[in-house]
C-alpha atoms as a PDB file:
ATOM      1  CA  MET A   1      -3.007  41.414 -39.039  1.00  0.00           C
ATOM      2  CA  THR A   2      -4.729  38.992 -41.023  1.00  0.00           C
ATOM      3  CA  ILE A   3      -6.609  35.893 -39.657  1.00  0.00           C
ATOM      4  CA  PRO A   4      -4.042  33.300 -40.549  1.00  0.00           C
ATOM      5  CA  GLU A   5      -1.283  35.348 -39.051  1.00  0.00           C
ATOM      6  CA  MET A   6      -3.478  35.499 -35.866  1.00  0.00           C
ATOM      7  CA  LEU A   7      -4.100  31.766 -35.823  1.00  0.00           C
ATOM      8  CA  GLU A   8      -0.349  31.179 -36.138  1.00  0.00           C
ATOM      9  CA  GLN A   9       0.662  33.206 -33.309  1.00  0.00           C
ATOM     10  CA  SER A  10      -2.233  31.745 -31.149  1.00  0.00           C
ATOM     11  CA  GLY A  11      -0.995  28.324 -32.060  1.00  0.00           C
ATOM     12  CA  ILE A  12       2.638  29.170 -31.133  1.00  0.00           C
ATOM     13  CA  LEU A  13       1.487  30.676 -27.958  1.00  0.00           C
ATOM     14  CA  THR A  14      -0.645  27.601 -26.980  1.00  0.00           C
ATOM     15  CA  LEU A  15       2.353  25.356 -27.707  1.00  0.00           C
ATOM     16  CA  PHE A  16       4.529  27.530 -25.636  1.00  0.00           C
ATOM     17  CA  GLY A  17       2.169  27.403 -22.631  1.00  0.00           C
ATOM     18  CA  ILE A  18       1.628  23.611 -22.974  1.00  0.00           C
ATOM     19  CA  GLY A  19       5.565  23.344 -23.148  1.00  0.00           C
ATOM     20  CA  MET A  20       5.964  25.446 -19.946  1.00  0.00           C
ATOM     21  CA  VAL A  21       3.154  23.619 -17.942  1.00  0.00           C
ATOM     22  CA  PHE A  22       5.078  20.297 -18.898  1.00  0.00           C
ATOM     23  CA  ALA A  23       8.356  21.524 -18.127  1.00  0.00           C
ATOM     24  CA  PHE A  24       7.206  22.885 -14.589  1.00  0.00           C
ATOM     25  CA  LEU A  25       5.587  19.464 -13.681  1.00  0.00           C
ATOM     26  CA  ILE A  26       8.658  17.515 -14.812  1.00  0.00           C
ATOM     27  CA  ILE A  27      10.900  19.790 -12.594  1.00  0.00           C
ATOM     28  CA  MET A  28       8.233  19.651  -9.820  1.00  0.00           C
ATOM     29  CA  VAL A  29       8.340  15.682 -10.021  1.00  0.00           C
ATOM     30  CA  ILE A  30      12.046  15.717  -9.786  1.00  0.00           C
ATOM     31  CA  VAL A  31      12.101  18.117  -6.767  1.00  0.00           C
ATOM     32  CA  ILE A  32       9.595  16.247  -4.978  1.00  0.00           C
ATOM     33  CA  SER A  33      11.343  12.786  -5.326  1.00  0.00           C
ATOM     34  CA  GLN A  34      14.681  14.271  -4.338  1.00  0.00           C
ATOM     35  CA  ALA A  35      13.124  15.777  -1.334  1.00  0.00           C
ATOM     36  CA  GLY A  36      11.527  12.418  -0.383  1.00  0.00           C
ATOM     37  CA  LYS A  37      14.920  10.735  -0.763  1.00  0.00           C
ATOM     38  CA  ALA A  38      16.605  13.613   1.330  1.00  0.00           C
ATOM     39  CA  PHE A  39      14.020  13.525   4.177  1.00  0.00           C
ATOM     40  CA  ARG A  40      13.743   9.847   4.457  1.00  0.00           C
ATOM     41  CA  SER A  41      14.505   8.791   8.002  1.00  0.00           C
ATOM     42  CA  ALA A  42      18.043   6.880   8.313  1.00  0.00           C
ATOM     43  CA  ASP A  43      16.712   5.070  11.383  1.00  0.00           C
ATOM     44  CA  SER A  44      13.491   3.611  10.648  1.00  0.00           C
ATOM     45  CA  GLU A  45      12.966   2.107  14.115  1.00  0.00           C
ATOM     46  CA  LYS A  46      12.713   5.738  15.625  1.00  0.00           C
ATOM     47  CA  ALA A  47      10.047   6.530  13.004  1.00  0.00           C
ATOM     48  CA  VAL A  48       8.053   3.174  13.800  1.00  0.00           C
ATOM     49  CA  THR A  49       8.368   3.838  17.593  1.00  0.00           C
ATOM     50  CA  ALA A  50       7.184   7.507  17.152  1.00  0.00           C
ATOM     51  CA  ALA A  51       4.225   6.276  14.867  1.00  0.00           C
ATOM     52  CA  SER A  52       3.301   3.596  17.425  1.00  0.00           C
ATOM     53  CA  LYS A  53       3.271   6.070  20.318  1.00  0.00           C
ATOM     54  CA  LEU A  54       0.893   8.187  18.302  1.00  0.00           C
ATOM     55  CA  ALA A  55      -1.452   5.253  17.297  1.00  0.00           C
ATOM     56  CA  TYR A  56      -1.244   3.525  20.795  1.00  0.00           C
ATOM     57  CA  GLY A  57      -0.682   6.335  23.246  1.00  0.00           C
ATOM     58  CA  ASN A  58       1.585   5.381  25.975  1.00  0.00           C
ATOM     59  CA  ILE A  59       1.701   1.701  25.181  1.00  0.00           C
ATOM     60  CA  PRO A  60       5.087   0.995  23.834  1.00  0.00           C
ATOM     61  CA  VAL A  61       5.094  -1.476  20.898  1.00  0.00           C
ATOM     62  CA  THR A  62       7.279  -4.441  21.722  1.00  0.00           C
ATOM     63  CA  THR A  63       7.106  -8.001  21.481  1.00  0.00           C
ATOM     64  CA  ASN A  64       5.350  -8.170  24.742  1.00  0.00           C
ATOM     65  CA  SER A  65       2.630  -5.856  23.771  1.00  0.00           C
ATOM     66  CA  ALA A  66       1.480  -7.877  20.594  1.00  0.00           C
ATOM     67  CA  PRO A  67      -1.229  -9.561  22.773  1.00  0.00           C
ATOM     68  CA  ILE A  68      -2.446  -6.227  23.803  1.00  0.00           C
ATOM     69  CA  ILE A  69      -2.752  -5.074  20.139  1.00  0.00           C
ATOM     70  CA  ALA A  70      -4.480  -8.328  19.063  1.00  0.00           C
ATOM     71  CA  ALA A  71      -6.988  -7.844  21.581  1.00  0.00           C
ATOM     72  CA  ILE A  72      -7.790  -4.287  20.701  1.00  0.00           C
ATOM     73  CA  THR A  73      -7.760  -5.333  17.137  1.00  0.00           C
ATOM     74  CA  ALA A  74     -10.394  -8.218  17.811  1.00  0.00           C
ATOM     75  CA  ALA A  75     -12.490  -5.990  19.889  1.00  0.00           C
ATOM     76  CA  VAL A  76     -12.680  -3.265  17.247  1.00  0.00           C
ATOM     77  CA  GLY A  77     -13.353  -6.088  14.652  1.00  0.00           C
ATOM     78  CA  ALA A  78     -16.065  -7.418  16.747  1.00  0.00           C
ATOM     79  CA  TYR A  79     -17.749  -4.103  17.464  1.00  0.00           C
ATOM     80  CA  ARG A  80     -17.803  -3.187  13.664  1.00  0.00           C
ATOM     81  CA  LYS A  81     -19.263  -6.497  12.823  1.00  0.00           C
ATOM     82  CA  SER A  82     -21.949  -6.274  15.423  1.00  0.00           C
ATOM     83  CA  HIS A  83     -22.815  -2.950  14.310  1.00  0.00           C
ATOM     84  CA  ASN A  84     -22.488  -3.527  10.497  1.00  0.00           C
ATOM     85  CA  LYS A  85     -25.780  -2.280   8.965  1.00  0.00           C
ATOM     86  CA  GLY A  86     -24.838  -3.339   5.290  1.00  0.00           C
END
């Protein structure tokens, strides 16, 4: 086998490998986007409630709890401002 023949085969193999990787990435993007659409919550209020329970413990996030959340946010902001060393 001559050097030009080996270079030709290595070029074909390289292009084939790049093509396979590109095809796999395209398929992976399509599958992930479809999975995201399939698993998207139909009832976003339940998802928000579950996330708020994780974030705020047993404090239910309602319109009545807005002052509590505002107070906690202000306290954290004041703490960070007073302890800023930058």
